[in-house]
Amino acid sequence: GCLEKVRRLCAIREQKGYHYSIEVDGGVNRETASMIREAGTDVLISGSAFFASPSPSAEVQFFKGSAIV
């Protein structure tokens, strides 16, 4: 459900020329980050996946899509 909402918000933003950011908070981890980014999310908010990681900086890079660690 969340990914479909993000896609719909992206379509509305594009059609109407709006300039808002779309963020997802909750359930963001290594299994979901790429799907969420691909749906069009601008901001990922991760709590437990970030704080439980042995390398938080690597986690940030992974969530940004700029590194696969």
PDB file of N, CA and C in Angstrom:
ATOM      1  N   GLY A   1       0.800  -1.205   0.000  1.00  0.00           N
ATOM      2  CA  GLY A   1       0.000   0.000   0.000  1.00  0.00           C
ATOM      3  C   GLY A   1       0.836   1.260   0.000  1.00  0.00           C
ATOM      4  N   CYS A   2       1.894   1.267   0.754  1.00  0.00           N
ATOM      5  CA  CYS A   2       2.728   2.465   0.862  1.00  0.00           C
ATOM      6  C   CYS A   2       3.349   2.830  -0.478  1.00  0.00           C
ATOM      7  N   LEU A   3       3.873   1.850  -1.191  1.00  0.00           N
ATOM      8  CA  LEU A   3       4.527   2.136  -2.468  1.00  0.00           C
ATOM      9  C   LEU A   3       3.541   2.709  -3.483  1.00  0.00           C
ATOM     10  N   GLU A   4       2.334   2.201  -3.490  1.00  0.00           N
ATOM     11  CA  GLU A   4       1.323   2.720  -4.411  1.00  0.00           C
ATOM     12  C   GLU A   4       0.977   4.164  -4.053  1.00  0.00           C
ATOM     13  N   LYS A   5       0.901   4.481  -2.768  1.00  0.00           N
ATOM     14  CA  LYS A   5       0.638   5.864  -2.351  1.00  0.00           C
ATOM     15  C   LYS A   5       1.762   6.788  -2.797  1.00  0.00           C
ATOM     16  N   VAL A   6       2.991   6.331  -2.675  1.00  0.00           N
ATOM     17  CA  VAL A   6       4.133   7.141  -3.100  1.00  0.00           C
ATOM     18  C   VAL A   6       4.062   7.379  -4.602  1.00  0.00           C
ATOM     19  N   ARG A   7       3.786   6.342  -5.360  1.00  0.00           N
ATOM     20  CA  ARG A   7       3.678   6.496  -6.819  1.00  0.00           C
ATOM     21  C   ARG A   7       2.575   7.489  -7.197  1.00  0.00           C
ATOM     22  N   ARG A   8       1.450   7.389  -6.511  1.00  0.00           N
ATOM     23  CA  ARG A   8       0.329   8.294  -6.781  1.00  0.00           C
ATOM     24  C   ARG A   8       0.703   9.740  -6.447  1.00  0.00           C
ATOM     25  N   LEU A   9       1.383   9.931  -5.311  1.00  0.00           N
ATOM     26  CA  LEU A   9       1.838  11.278  -4.939  1.00  0.00           C
ATOM     27  C   LEU A   9       2.844  11.830  -5.947  1.00  0.00           C
ATOM     28  N   CYS A  10       3.720  10.985  -6.452  1.00  0.00           N
ATOM     29  CA  CYS A  10       4.682  11.414  -7.477  1.00  0.00           C
ATOM     30  C   CYS A  10       3.966  11.856  -8.744  1.00  0.00           C
ATOM     31  N   ALA A  11       2.960  11.105  -9.142  1.00  0.00           N
ATOM     32  CA  ALA A  11       2.203  11.443 -10.347  1.00  0.00           C
ATOM     33  C   ALA A  11       1.475  12.781 -10.171  1.00  0.00           C
ATOM     34  N   ILE A  12       0.862  12.981  -9.020  1.00  0.00           N
ATOM     35  CA  ILE A  12       0.164  14.245  -8.749  1.00  0.00           C
ATOM     36  C   ILE A  12       1.156  15.403  -8.760  1.00  0.00           C
ATOM     37  N   ARG A  13       2.289  15.197  -8.117  1.00  0.00           N
ATOM     38  CA  ARG A  13       3.318  16.240  -8.051  1.00  0.00           C
ATOM     39  C   ARG A  13       3.755  16.647  -9.457  1.00  0.00           C
ATOM     40  N   GLU A  14       3.970  15.660 -10.307  1.00  0.00           N
ATOM     41  CA  GLU A  14       4.411  15.940 -11.674  1.00  0.00           C
ATOM     42  C   GLU A  14       3.311  16.611 -12.494  1.00  0.00           C
ATOM     43  N   GLN A  15       2.095  16.077 -12.411  1.00  0.00           N
ATOM     44  CA  GLN A  15       0.981  16.612 -13.194  1.00  0.00           C
ATOM     45  C   GLN A  15       0.664  18.056 -12.826  1.00  0.00           C
ATOM     46  N   LYS A  16       0.713  18.357 -11.543  1.00  0.00           N
ATOM     47  CA  LYS A  16       0.318  19.687 -11.062  1.00  0.00           C
ATOM     48  C   LYS A  16       1.491  20.659 -10.953  1.00  0.00           C
ATOM     49  N   GLY A  17       2.709  20.151 -11.126  1.00  0.00           N
ATOM     50  CA  GLY A  17       3.868  21.019 -11.004  1.00  0.00           C
ATOM     51  C   GLY A  17       4.181  21.403  -9.570  1.00  0.00           C
ATOM     52  N   TYR A  18       3.775  20.568  -8.643  1.00  0.00           N
ATOM     53  CA  TYR A  18       4.042  20.849  -7.230  1.00  0.00           C
ATOM     54  C   TYR A  18       5.509  20.582  -6.910  1.00  0.00           C
ATOM     55  N   HIS A  19       5.958  21.125  -5.801  1.00  0.00           N
ATOM     56  CA  HIS A  19       7.358  20.989  -5.399  1.00  0.00           C
ATOM     57  C   HIS A  19       7.470  20.501  -3.953  1.00  0.00           C
ATOM     58  N   TYR A  20       6.780  19.438  -3.617  1.00  0.00           N
ATOM     59  CA  TYR A  20       6.875  18.892  -2.266  1.00  0.00           C
ATOM     60  C   TYR A  20       7.766  17.660  -2.263  1.00  0.00           C
ATOM     61  N   SER A  21       8.293  17.367  -1.093  1.00  0.00           N
ATOM     62  CA  SER A  21       9.098  16.155  -0.918  1.00  0.00           C
ATOM     63  C   SER A  21       8.215  15.051  -0.362  1.00  0.00           C
ATOM     64  N   ILE A  22       8.517  13.838  -0.773  1.00  0.00           N
ATOM     65  CA  ILE A  22       7.802  12.668  -0.273  1.00  0.00           C
ATOM     66  C   ILE A  22       8.770  11.885   0.588  1.00  0.00           C
ATOM     67  N   GLU A  23       8.352  11.602   1.820  1.00  0.00           N
ATOM     68  CA  GLU A  23       9.218  10.837   2.698  1.00  0.00           C
ATOM     69  C   GLU A  23       8.480   9.639   3.268  1.00  0.00           C
ATOM     70  N   VAL A  24       9.246   8.595   3.537  1.00  0.00           N
ATOM     71  CA  VAL A  24       8.701   7.384   4.141  1.00  0.00           C
ATOM     72  C   VAL A  24       9.420   7.168   5.456  1.00  0.00           C
ATOM     73  N   ASP A  25       8.630   7.012   6.501  1.00  0.00           N
ATOM     74  CA  ASP A  25       9.142   6.791   7.847  1.00  0.00           C
ATOM     75  C   ASP A  25       8.520   5.506   8.370  1.00  0.00           C
ATOM     76  N   GLY A  26       9.367   4.521   8.613  1.00  0.00           N
ATOM     77  CA  GLY A  26       8.874   3.250   9.137  1.00  0.00           C
ATOM     78  C   GLY A  26       9.059   2.135   8.137  1.00  0.00           C
ATOM     79  N   GLY A  27       9.682   1.079   8.577  1.00  0.00           N
ATOM     80  CA  GLY A  27       9.881  -0.081   7.721  1.00  0.00           C
ATOM     81  C   GLY A  27      10.991   0.086   6.699  1.00  0.00           C
ATOM     82  N   VAL A  28      11.820   1.105   6.875  1.00  0.00           N
ATOM     83  CA  VAL A  28      12.916   1.325   5.932  1.00  0.00           C
ATOM     84  C   VAL A  28      14.124   0.517   6.395  1.00  0.00           C
ATOM     85  N   ASN A  29      14.527  -0.440   5.562  1.00  0.00           N
ATOM     86  CA  ASN A  29      15.684  -1.277   5.872  1.00  0.00           C
ATOM     87  C   ASN A  29      16.320  -1.720   4.556  1.00  0.00           C
ATOM     88  N   ARG A  30      17.289  -2.589   4.629  1.00  0.00           N
ATOM     89  CA  ARG A  30      17.996  -3.014   3.409  1.00  0.00           C
ATOM     90  C   ARG A  30      17.091  -3.763   2.431  1.00  0.00           C
ATOM     91  N   GLU A  31      16.050  -4.405   2.914  1.00  0.00           N
ATOM     92  CA  GLU A  31      15.144  -5.127   2.012  1.00  0.00           C
ATOM     93  C   GLU A  31      14.169  -4.191   1.311  1.00  0.00           C
ATOM     94  N   THR A  32      13.843  -3.049   1.927  1.00  0.00           N
ATOM     95  CA  THR A  32      12.802  -2.182   1.381  1.00  0.00           C
ATOM     96  C   THR A  32      13.316  -0.884   0.763  1.00  0.00           C
ATOM     97  N   ALA A  33      14.528  -0.476   1.092  1.00  0.00           N
ATOM     98  CA  ALA A  33      15.034   0.842   0.682  1.00  0.00           C
ATOM     99  C   ALA A  33      14.999   1.058  -0.825  1.00  0.00           C
ATOM    100  N   SER A  34      15.469   0.099  -1.600  1.00  0.00           N
ATOM    101  CA  SER A  34      15.508   0.306  -3.051  1.00  0.00           C
ATOM    102  C   SER A  34      14.101   0.397  -3.641  1.00  0.00           C
ATOM    103  N   MET A  35      13.168  -0.410  -3.153  1.00  0.00           N
ATOM    104  CA  MET A  35      11.791  -0.341  -3.653  1.00  0.00           C
ATOM    105  C   MET A  35      11.169   1.014  -3.334  1.00  0.00           C
ATOM    106  N   ILE A  36      11.445   1.498  -2.138  1.00  0.00           N
ATOM    107  CA  ILE A  36      10.890   2.784  -1.723  1.00  0.00           C
ATOM    108  C   ILE A  36      11.484   3.905  -2.568  1.00  0.00           C
ATOM    109  N   ARG A  37      12.787   3.881  -2.795  1.00  0.00           N
ATOM    110  CA  ARG A  37      13.431   4.897  -3.642  1.00  0.00           C
ATOM    111  C   ARG A  37      12.874   4.845  -5.054  1.00  0.00           C
ATOM    112  N   GLU A  38      12.764   3.655  -5.625  1.00  0.00           N
ATOM    113  CA  GLU A  38      12.278   3.492  -6.995  1.00  0.00           C
ATOM    114  C   GLU A  38      10.836   3.975  -7.160  1.00  0.00           C
ATOM    115  N   ALA A  39      10.048   3.894  -6.089  1.00  0.00           N
ATOM    116  CA  ALA A  39       8.664   4.369  -6.152  1.00  0.00           C
ATOM    117  C   ALA A  39       8.601   5.886  -6.256  1.00  0.00           C
ATOM    118  N   GLY A  40       9.708   6.565  -5.866  1.00  0.00           N
ATOM    119  CA  GLY A  40       9.755   8.016  -6.009  1.00  0.00           C
ATOM    120  C   GLY A  40       9.941   8.792  -4.728  1.00  0.00           C
ATOM    121  N   THR A  41      10.214   8.100  -3.650  1.00  0.00           N
ATOM    122  CA  THR A  41      10.415   8.773  -2.372  1.00  0.00           C
ATOM    123  C   THR A  41      11.669   9.634  -2.410  1.00  0.00           C
ATOM    124  N   ASP A  42      11.570  10.813  -1.826  1.00  0.00           N
ATOM    125  CA  ASP A  42      12.710  11.726  -1.764  1.00  0.00           C
ATOM    126  C   ASP A  42      13.520  11.547  -0.489  1.00  0.00           C
ATOM    127  N   VAL A  43      12.854  11.167   0.587  1.00  0.00           N
ATOM    128  CA  VAL A  43      13.502  11.070   1.892  1.00  0.00           C
ATOM    129  C   VAL A  43      13.128   9.741   2.540  1.00  0.00           C
ATOM    130  N   LEU A  44      14.142   9.001   2.984  1.00  0.00           N
ATOM    131  CA  LEU A  44      13.927   7.767   3.739  1.00  0.00           C
ATOM    132  C   LEU A  44      14.288   8.030   5.190  1.00  0.00           C
ATOM    133  N   ILE A  45      13.414   7.622   6.087  1.00  0.00           N
ATOM    134  CA  ILE A  45      13.688   7.783   7.512  1.00  0.00           C
ATOM    135  C   ILE A  45      13.796   6.394   8.104  1.00  0.00           C
ATOM    136  N   SER A  46      14.958   6.103   8.659  1.00  0.00           N
ATOM    137  CA  SER A  46      15.207   4.783   9.228  1.00  0.00           C
ATOM    138  C   SER A  46      15.667   4.936  10.667  1.00  0.00           C
ATOM    139  N   GLY A  47      15.084   4.156  11.522  1.00  0.00           N
ATOM    140  CA  GLY A  47      15.493   4.179  12.923  1.00  0.00           C
ATOM    141  C   GLY A  47      16.260   2.937  13.294  1.00  0.00           C
ATOM    142  N   SER A  48      15.556   1.845  13.511  1.00  0.00           N
ATOM    143  CA  SER A  48      16.189   0.629  14.033  1.00  0.00           C
ATOM    144  C   SER A  48      17.224   0.052  13.079  1.00  0.00           C
ATOM    145  N   ALA A  49      16.979   0.096  11.775  1.00  0.00           N
ATOM    146  CA  ALA A  49      17.964  -0.444  10.828  1.00  0.00           C
ATOM    147  C   ALA A  49      19.260   0.364  10.876  1.00  0.00           C
ATOM    148  N   PHE A  50      19.137   1.662  11.072  1.00  0.00           N
ATOM    149  CA  PHE A  50      20.310   2.522  11.157  1.00  0.00           C
ATOM    150  C   PHE A  50      21.057   2.304  12.469  1.00  0.00           C
ATOM    151  N   PHE A  51      20.345   2.367  13.573  1.00  0.00           N
ATOM    152  CA  PHE A  51      20.995   2.280  14.881  1.00  0.00           C
ATOM    153  C   PHE A  51      21.491   0.879  15.211  1.00  0.00           C
ATOM    154  N   ALA A  52      20.912  -0.141  14.599  1.00  0.00           N
ATOM    155  CA  ALA A  52      21.352  -1.517  14.847  1.00  0.00           C
ATOM    156  C   ALA A  52      22.514  -1.923  13.943  1.00  0.00           C
ATOM    157  N   SER A  53      22.828  -1.087  12.978  1.00  0.00           N
ATOM    158  CA  SER A  53      23.887  -1.427  12.025  1.00  0.00           C
ATOM    159  C   SER A  53      25.271  -1.313  12.663  1.00  0.00           C
ATOM    160  N   PRO A  54      26.178  -2.232  12.333  1.00  0.00           N
ATOM    161  CA  PRO A  54      27.547  -2.112  12.826  1.00  0.00           C
ATOM    162  C   PRO A  54      28.280  -0.930  12.185  1.00  0.00           C
ATOM    163  N   SER A  55      27.761  -0.451  11.045  1.00  0.00           N
ATOM    164  CA  SER A  55      28.369   0.694  10.363  1.00  0.00           C
ATOM    165  C   SER A  55      27.264   1.645   9.897  1.00  0.00           C
ATOM    166  N   PRO A  56      26.832   2.552  10.763  1.00  0.00           N
ATOM    167  CA  PRO A  56      25.761   3.477  10.378  1.00  0.00           C
ATOM    168  C   PRO A  56      26.073   4.290   9.117  1.00  0.00           C
ATOM    169  N   SER A  57      27.332   4.679   8.920  1.00  0.00           N
ATOM    170  CA  SER A  57      27.658   5.456   7.717  1.00  0.00           C
ATOM    171  C   SER A  57      27.462   4.618   6.451  1.00  0.00           C
ATOM    172  N   ALA A  58      27.783   3.332   6.506  1.00  0.00           N
ATOM    173  CA  ALA A  58      27.542   2.449   5.359  1.00  0.00           C
ATOM    174  C   ALA A  58      26.044   2.291   5.128  1.00  0.00           C
ATOM    175  N   GLU A  59      25.289   2.274   6.196  1.00  0.00           N
ATOM    176  CA  GLU A  59      23.827   2.159   6.083  1.00  0.00           C
ATOM    177  C   GLU A  59      23.265   3.376   5.357  1.00  0.00           C
ATOM    178  N   VAL A  60      23.753   4.551   5.699  1.00  0.00           N
ATOM    179  CA  VAL A  60      23.295   5.773   5.037  1.00  0.00           C
ATOM    180  C   VAL A  60      23.601   5.703   3.551  1.00  0.00           C
ATOM    181  N   GLN A  61      24.809   5.298   3.193  1.00  0.00           N
ATOM    182  CA  GLN A  61      25.169   5.191   1.781  1.00  0.00           C
ATOM    183  C   GLN A  61      24.278   4.177   1.063  1.00  0.00           C
ATOM    184  N   PHE A  62      23.975   3.074   1.709  1.00  0.00           N
ATOM    185  CA  PHE A  62      23.101   2.066   1.118  1.00  0.00           C
ATOM    186  C   PHE A  62      21.712   2.644   0.885  1.00  0.00           C
ATOM    187  N   PHE A  63      21.176   3.336   1.885  1.00  0.00           N
ATOM    188  CA  PHE A  63      19.842   3.907   1.756  1.00  0.00           C
ATOM    189  C   PHE A  63      19.783   4.959   0.662  1.00  0.00           C
ATOM    190  N   LYS A  64      20.874   5.667   0.467  1.00  0.00           N
ATOM    191  CA  LYS A  64      20.934   6.656  -0.610  1.00  0.00           C
ATOM    192  C   LYS A  64      21.041   5.998  -1.975  1.00  0.00           C
ATOM    193  N   GLY A  65      21.429   4.728  -1.983  1.00  0.00           N
ATOM    194  CA  GLY A  65      21.585   4.031  -3.253  1.00  0.00           C
ATOM    195  C   GLY A  65      22.941   4.226  -3.871  1.00  0.00           C
ATOM    196  N   SER A  66      23.876   4.763  -3.090  1.00  0.00           N
ATOM    197  CA  SER A  66      25.194   5.026  -3.647  1.00  0.00           C
ATOM    198  C   SER A  66      26.227   3.981  -3.278  1.00  0.00           C
ATOM    199  N   ALA A  67      25.823   2.982  -2.511  1.00  0.00           N
ATOM    200  CA  ALA A  67      26.759   1.902  -2.175  1.00  0.00           C
ATOM    201  C   ALA A  67      25.979   0.673  -1.775  1.00  0.00           C
ATOM    202  N   ILE A  68      26.508  -0.466  -2.135  1.00  0.00           N
ATOM    203  CA  ILE A  68      25.925  -1.733  -1.691  1.00  0.00           C
ATOM    204  C   ILE A  68      26.975  -2.398  -0.823  1.00  0.00           C
ATOM    205  N   VAL A  69      26.680  -2.453   0.454  1.00  0.00           N
ATOM    206  CA  VAL A  69      27.634  -2.979   1.428  1.00  0.00           C
ATOM    207  C   VAL A  69      27.072  -4.232   2.050  1.00  0.00           C
TER     208      VAL A  69
END
